[in-house]
C-alpha atoms as a PDB file:
ATOM      1  CA  MET A   1     -51.898 -22.202 -19.503  1.00  0.00           C
ATOM      2  CA  THR A   2     -55.467 -21.349 -20.352  1.00  0.00           C
ATOM      3  CA  ARG A   3     -56.173 -20.882 -16.716  1.00  0.00           C
ATOM      4  CA  SER A   4     -53.347 -18.312 -16.351  1.00  0.00           C
ATOM      5  CA  ILE A   5     -54.491 -16.462 -19.451  1.00  0.00           C
ATOM      6  CA  ALA A   6     -58.003 -16.351 -18.012  1.00  0.00           C
ATOM      7  CA  LEU A   7     -56.767 -14.912 -14.707  1.00  0.00           C
ATOM      8  CA  SER A   8     -54.611 -12.356 -16.489  1.00  0.00           C
ATOM      9  CA  LEU A   9     -57.577 -11.356 -18.649  1.00  0.00           C
ATOM     10  CA  ALA A  10     -59.819 -11.020 -15.568  1.00  0.00           C
ATOM     11  CA  ALA A  11     -57.212  -8.840 -13.885  1.00  0.00           C
ATOM     12  CA  LEU A  12     -57.026  -6.565 -16.991  1.00  0.00           C
ATOM     13  CA  VAL A  13     -60.769  -6.223 -17.023  1.00  0.00           C
ATOM     14  CA  ALA A  14     -60.902  -5.365 -13.334  1.00  0.00           C
ATOM     15  CA  LEU A  15     -58.037  -2.905 -13.483  1.00  0.00           C
ATOM     16  CA  PRO A  16     -60.099   0.023 -14.914  1.00  0.00           C
ATOM     17  CA  LEU A  17     -62.763  -0.593 -12.308  1.00  0.00           C
ATOM     18  CA  PHE A  18     -60.221  -0.217  -9.452  1.00  0.00           C
ATOM     19  CA  ALA A  19     -58.820   2.886 -11.106  1.00  0.00           C
ATOM     20  CA  GLN A  20     -62.274   4.521 -11.211  1.00  0.00           C
ATOM     21  CA  GLU A  21     -62.832   3.734  -7.479  1.00  0.00           C
ATOM     22  CA  ALA A  22     -59.436   5.183  -6.550  1.00  0.00           C
ATOM     23  CA  ALA A  23     -60.249   8.363  -8.516  1.00  0.00           C
ATOM     24  CA  LYS A  24     -63.483   8.989  -6.525  1.00  0.00           C
ATOM     25  CA  PRO A  25     -62.881  11.398  -3.605  1.00  0.00           C
ATOM     26  CA  ALA A  26     -63.105   9.805  -0.197  1.00  0.00           C
ATOM     27  CA  PRO A  27     -66.290  10.587   1.645  1.00  0.00           C
ATOM     28  CA  THR A  28     -65.769  13.289   4.236  1.00  0.00           C
ATOM     29  CA  PRO A  29     -66.280  12.047   7.770  1.00  0.00           C
ATOM     30  CA  PRO A  30     -69.150  13.640   9.676  1.00  0.00           C
ATOM     31  CA  PRO A  31     -68.119  16.502  11.886  1.00  0.00           C
ATOM     32  CA  LYS A  32     -66.971  15.413  15.316  1.00  0.00           C
ATOM     33  CA  GLU A  33     -69.047  16.356  18.270  1.00  0.00           C
ATOM     34  CA  GLU A  34     -67.494  18.706  20.717  1.00  0.00           C
ATOM     35  CA  ALA A  35     -65.789  16.940  23.570  1.00  0.00           C
ATOM     36  CA  ALA A  36     -67.711  16.926  26.739  1.00  0.00           C
ATOM     37  CA  PRO A  37     -66.341  19.248  29.465  1.00  0.00           C
ATOM     38  CA  ALA A  38     -64.099  17.618  32.044  1.00  0.00           C
ATOM     39  CA  ALA A  39     -66.063  15.905  34.763  1.00  0.00           C
ATOM     40  CA  ALA A  40     -66.236  17.725  38.065  1.00  0.00           C
ATOM     41  CA  PRO A  41     -64.151  16.069  40.831  1.00  0.00           C
ATOM     42  CA  ALA A  42     -67.314  14.808  42.532  1.00  0.00           C
ATOM     43  CA  ASP A  43     -68.229  12.901  39.335  1.00  0.00           C
ATOM     44  CA  ARG A  44     -64.913  10.981  39.181  1.00  0.00           C
ATOM     45  CA  PRO A  45     -63.947   7.978  41.222  1.00  0.00           C
ATOM     46  CA  ASP A  46     -61.990   8.923  44.323  1.00  0.00           C
ATOM     47  CA  TRP A  47     -58.712   7.377  43.114  1.00  0.00           C
ATOM     48  CA  LYS A  48     -58.790   9.303  39.863  1.00  0.00           C
ATOM     49  CA  ALA A  49     -58.723  12.720  41.579  1.00  0.00           C
ATOM     50  CA  HIS A  50     -55.745  11.604  43.830  1.00  0.00           C
ATOM     51  CA  VAL A  51     -53.811  10.207  40.917  1.00  0.00           C
ATOM     52  CA  ASP A  52     -54.406  13.334  38.771  1.00  0.00           C
ATOM     53  CA  ALA A  53     -53.286  15.636  41.607  1.00  0.00           C
ATOM     54  CA  VAL A  54     -50.137  13.564  42.255  1.00  0.00           C
ATOM     55  CA  THR A  55     -49.291  13.436  38.527  1.00  0.00           C
ATOM     56  CA  ALA A  56     -49.799  17.195  38.175  1.00  0.00           C
ATOM     57  CA  PHE A  57     -47.626  17.883  41.308  1.00  0.00           C
ATOM     58  CA  LEU A  58     -44.813  15.578  40.194  1.00  0.00           C
ATOM     59  CA  LYS A  59     -44.662  17.107  36.719  1.00  0.00           C
ATOM     60  CA  ALA A  60     -44.767  20.640  38.144  1.00  0.00           C
ATOM     61  CA  TRP A  61     -42.084  19.795  40.737  1.00  0.00           C
ATOM     62  CA  GLY A  62     -39.907  18.138  38.188  1.00  0.00           C
ATOM     63  CA  LYS A  63     -40.093  21.035  35.780  1.00  0.00           C
ATOM     64  CA  GLY A  64     -40.010  23.750  38.423  1.00  0.00           C
ATOM     65  CA  LYS A  65     -43.470  25.107  37.469  1.00  0.00           C
ATOM     66  CA  TRP A  66     -44.530  26.298  40.920  1.00  0.00           C
ATOM     67  CA  GLU A  67     -47.705  27.962  39.826  1.00  0.00           C
ATOM     68  CA  ASP A  68     -48.957  24.595  38.595  1.00  0.00           C
ATOM     69  CA  ALA A  69     -47.948  22.940  41.858  1.00  0.00           C
ATOM     70  CA  LYS A  70     -49.857  25.412  43.991  1.00  0.00           C
ATOM     71  CA  ALA A  71     -53.121  24.139  42.727  1.00  0.00           C
ATOM     72  CA  VAL A  72     -52.510  20.569  43.929  1.00  0.00           C
ATOM     73  CA  ALA A  73     -50.304  20.931  46.995  1.00  0.00           C
ATOM     74  CA  GLY A  74     -50.122  22.648  50.320  1.00  0.00           C
ATOM     75  CA  ASP A  75     -47.707  25.583  50.898  1.00  0.00           C
ATOM     76  CA  LYS A  76     -44.945  23.147  52.097  1.00  0.00           C
ATOM     77  CA  VAL A  77     -44.400  19.497  51.229  1.00  0.00           C
ATOM     78  CA  ASP A  78     -41.911  17.341  53.054  1.00  0.00           C
ATOM     79  CA  VAL A  79     -39.748  14.910  51.135  1.00  0.00           C
ATOM     80  CA  LYS A  80     -38.183  12.032  52.998  1.00  0.00           C
ATOM     81  CA  VAL A  81     -35.286  10.382  51.274  1.00  0.00           C
ATOM     82  CA  GLY A  82     -33.837   7.531  53.408  1.00  0.00           C
ATOM     83  CA  ASP A  83     -33.271   8.947  56.922  1.00  0.00           C
ATOM     84  CA  LYS A  84     -33.169  12.630  55.800  1.00  0.00           C
ATOM     85  CA  THR A  85     -36.101  14.999  55.316  1.00  0.00           C
ATOM     86  CA  TYR A  86     -36.090  17.854  52.805  1.00  0.00           C
ATOM     87  CA  SER A  87     -38.605  20.561  52.254  1.00  0.00           C
ATOM     88  CA  ILE A  88     -40.429  21.846  49.144  1.00  0.00           C
ATOM     89  CA  ASP A  89     -41.630  25.417  49.592  1.00  0.00           C
ATOM     90  CA  VAL A  90     -44.410  25.426  47.024  1.00  0.00           C
ATOM     91  CA  ALA A  91     -45.621  28.943  47.985  1.00  0.00           C
ATOM     92  CA  GLY A  92     -42.010  30.328  47.786  1.00  0.00           C
ATOM     93  CA  GLY A  93     -41.115  28.452  44.641  1.00  0.00           C
ATOM     94  CA  LYS A  94     -38.048  26.630  45.956  1.00  0.00           C
ATOM     95  CA  SER A  95     -37.034  23.192  46.943  1.00  0.00           C
ATOM     96  CA  ASP A  96     -34.174  21.417  48.818  1.00  0.00           C
ATOM     97  CA  ALA A  97     -34.804  18.362  46.679  1.00  0.00           C
ATOM     98  CA  ASN A  98     -35.573  17.984  43.029  1.00  0.00           C
ATOM     99  CA  LEU A  99     -37.487  15.327  41.163  1.00  0.00           C
ATOM    100  CA  VAL A 100     -35.735  13.960  38.113  1.00  0.00           C
ATOM    101  CA  LEU A 101     -38.259  13.118  35.405  1.00  0.00           C
ATOM    102  CA  PRO A 102     -39.704  10.730  34.358  1.00  0.00           C
ATOM    103  CA  PHE A 103     -41.488   8.832  37.046  1.00  0.00           C
ATOM    104  CA  ARG A 104     -43.318   5.502  36.456  1.00  0.00           C
ATOM    105  CA  GLY A 105     -46.061   3.234  37.774  1.00  0.00           C
ATOM    106  CA  LEU A 106     -48.766   5.025  39.774  1.00  0.00           C
ATOM    107  CA  SER A 107     -51.184   3.062  42.001  1.00  0.00           C
ATOM    108  CA  ALA A 108     -53.595   3.899  44.743  1.00  0.00           C
ATOM    109  CA  ILE A 109     -52.700   3.641  48.490  1.00  0.00           C
ATOM    110  CA  ARG A 110     -55.806   2.954  50.554  1.00  0.00           C
ATOM    111  CA  ASP A 111     -56.448   2.552  54.235  1.00  0.00           C
ATOM    112  CA  ALA A 112     -59.816   1.007  55.210  1.00  0.00           C
ATOM    113  CA  GLY A 113     -61.057   1.771  51.701  1.00  0.00           C
ATOM    114  CA  LYS A 114     -60.204   5.481  51.892  1.00  0.00           C
ATOM    115  CA  MET A 115     -57.603   6.975  49.601  1.00  0.00           C
ATOM    116  CA  LYS A 116     -54.493   8.114  51.390  1.00  0.00           C
ATOM    117  CA  GLY A 117     -52.104   8.668  48.510  1.00  0.00           C
ATOM    118  CA  VAL A 118     -50.450   7.256  45.400  1.00  0.00           C
ATOM    119  CA  SER A 119     -47.583   4.793  45.183  1.00  0.00           C
ATOM    120  CA  VAL A 120     -44.919   5.532  42.540  1.00  0.00           C
ATOM    121  CA  ASN A 121     -43.125   2.437  41.277  1.00  0.00           C
ATOM    122  CA  GLU A 122     -40.018   4.305  40.174  1.00  0.00           C
ATOM    123  CA  MET A 123     -38.890   7.826  40.858  1.00  0.00           C
ATOM    124  CA  THR A 124     -35.601   9.660  41.225  1.00  0.00           C
ATOM    125  CA  VAL A 125     -34.933  12.458  43.668  1.00  0.00           C
ATOM    126  CA  ASP A 126     -31.806  14.637  43.573  1.00  0.00           C
ATOM    127  CA  ALA A 127     -31.185  15.822  47.172  1.00  0.00           C
ATOM    128  CA  GLY A 128     -28.130  16.638  49.228  1.00  0.00           C
ATOM    129  CA  GLY A 129     -25.800  16.319  46.239  1.00  0.00           C
ATOM    130  CA  ALA A 130     -26.860  12.662  45.523  1.00  0.00           C
ATOM    131  CA  LYS A 131     -29.514  11.077  43.320  1.00  0.00           C
ATOM    132  CA  LYS A 132     -31.649   8.300  44.730  1.00  0.00           C
ATOM    133  CA  THR A 133     -33.960   6.077  42.666  1.00  0.00           C
ATOM    134  CA  GLY A 134     -36.571   3.819  44.202  1.00  0.00           C
ATOM    135  CA  LYS A 135     -40.242   3.350  45.080  1.00  0.00           C
ATOM    136  CA  GLY A 136     -42.027   6.379  46.366  1.00  0.00           C
ATOM    137  CA  LYS A 137     -45.208   7.216  48.297  1.00  0.00           C
ATOM    138  CA  VAL A 138     -46.950  10.459  47.647  1.00  0.00           C
ATOM    139  CA  MET A 139     -49.438  11.140  50.421  1.00  0.00           C
ATOM    140  CA  THR A 140     -52.551  13.170  49.733  1.00  0.00           C
ATOM    141  CA  ASP A 141     -55.363  14.763  51.685  1.00  0.00           C
ATOM    142  CA  GLU A 142     -58.837  15.661  50.398  1.00  0.00           C
ATOM    143  CA  THR A 143     -60.447  18.612  52.056  1.00  0.00           C
ATOM    144  CA  GLY A 144     -63.262  20.644  50.656  1.00  0.00           C
ATOM    145  CA  GLY A 145     -63.413  18.478  47.534  1.00  0.00           C
ATOM    146  CA  ALA A 146     -59.806  19.421  46.521  1.00  0.00           C
ATOM    147  CA  VAL A 147     -56.986  16.830  46.669  1.00  0.00           C
ATOM    148  CA  LYS A 148     -53.654  18.190  47.878  1.00  0.00           C
ATOM    149  CA  VAL A 149     -50.248  16.569  48.065  1.00  0.00           C
ATOM    150  CA  THR A 150     -48.979  16.607  51.719  1.00  0.00           C
ATOM    151  CA  SER A 151     -45.744  14.575  51.776  1.00  0.00           C
ATOM    152  CA  ILE A 152     -43.400  12.381  49.723  1.00  0.00           C
ATOM    153  CA  GLU A 153     -41.330   9.425  50.849  1.00  0.00           C
ATOM    154  CA  LEU A 154     -38.683   7.625  48.811  1.00  0.00           C
ATOM    155  CA  GLU A 155     -37.625   4.161  49.876  1.00  0.00           C
END
């Protein structure tokens, strides 16, 4: 019993001390440094530029934002779904096939150590009145330091 009284008394004595600490204003954090500008494509690993271009293209295609797609794709991109081939007219802003968002699981496709494209673990394309979901390959080409999407294949 004496021990519980001693613990209660210690808690009562410490209570005002905690109340004073809580009343003190929290120290303001130092101002954050401005974020460094985005690295130039030459500064990034080769896979990063390809994955960024494919991600930007797929998002733009899925949302119908053709101006965004023009920066990362050629004027026309072929989409192969099964045994049929459809066309995306990026310059004209129209498509025979549509990407259904979201897509998942991006990884690099290399040939002899050189980036050739990006594998998409799961994507859905709506073409010819039917939706098909499966693994996809988005092939890219790097010319003049810019990565462009050239074709898409859905298994």
